[in-house]
Every structure is written in C-alpha cells, then in structure tokens.
C-alpha cells in the first residue's frame, strides 16, 4: 500500500516538475512577445522626426531601444539550449545592424541630406521585417516547446497514475 501511495505521490511530483518547465518556457515565450513589441514600438520615430524635426521623437526612439535591449537580456537569461542561443544571437546581430542603418539615416536627415537619408531609410525597412520575422520564429519555438511539454506531461502522469492505481488494487486484493 505504501508503495502505491509513493508512486501516486511521485506522479504528482513529476507533473509539478514538468509544470515548472512549461512555466519557464511560458516566461520565455512572453519575453519573446515583449521583444517583438519592443521592436514594433520603434517603428516610425525616424519618420516622425523627419516630418516634425522634433528631437523628442529621437529621445523616445532611444527609450524604445533601451527597452528592446532589456527584453533581449531577459530572453538571453532564459535560454536553455543551443537553438535558442543561436536564435537570440541572430536577433541581436540583425538588430545591431538595423540600429546602425537607422543611426546613419538620422545623421543624414540632421545634416540636410534628405535624398540620401530617404534612400537608406527604405533599405533598412527590410532589416526591420527580418528582425520581426526572427522574433516571431523565436516565439514560435517556445510555443511548440510548451505544447510538447504539456502533452508529454499529461501522458506520462496519466500513465503513471494508472500503474499506481493498478498496484494499489493488486495490493488490496493480495
């Protein structure tokens, strides 16, 4: 009887462990969403600056860049495997290139080189889309892991509970 009780206890403990794994991946998923949002929130500030010549737009851009960096650091802290590490590294690399382009555009606009600024501005839009796609894929990676862990957790817990229940019945019959 004690063995059956221990086995039932073990199934709940195992399910708790898997739940924590799911929760960690959920946190990583939410961080990936926040990373995506922080990127999207940067869109438009350079255009607004060009139209209004108000440096407040560049200040706000700086704030959004800082938020993106913070979310990137959060995502890096939650990395659990090589695929995730590579995904974060690729997002970071593309983002740095994107920021470099954007800063060049700002300098061109500030120096009155509107045509050159506009041309470069068009080019870095593709970088934005690429980074957005990378963050969406990173988010999807965690979504699939969450689904897989949930499924595995439920199947294993049910299987072990069935074995434990059978063992209890067998012990009682004996």
Foldseek 3Di string as FASTA:
>chain_A
DVVLVVLLVVLVVLLVVLVVVLVLLVQLLVLLVQLLVLLVVLPPLLVVCLVPVDCVSVVVNVVSVVSNVVSLVVNCVSDDDDVSVVLSVVLVVLVVVLVVLSVVLSVCSVVVVPVVSVVSVVVSVVSSVVSSVSSVVSSVVSVVVSVVSVVVSVVVSVVSNVVSVVVVVVVVVD
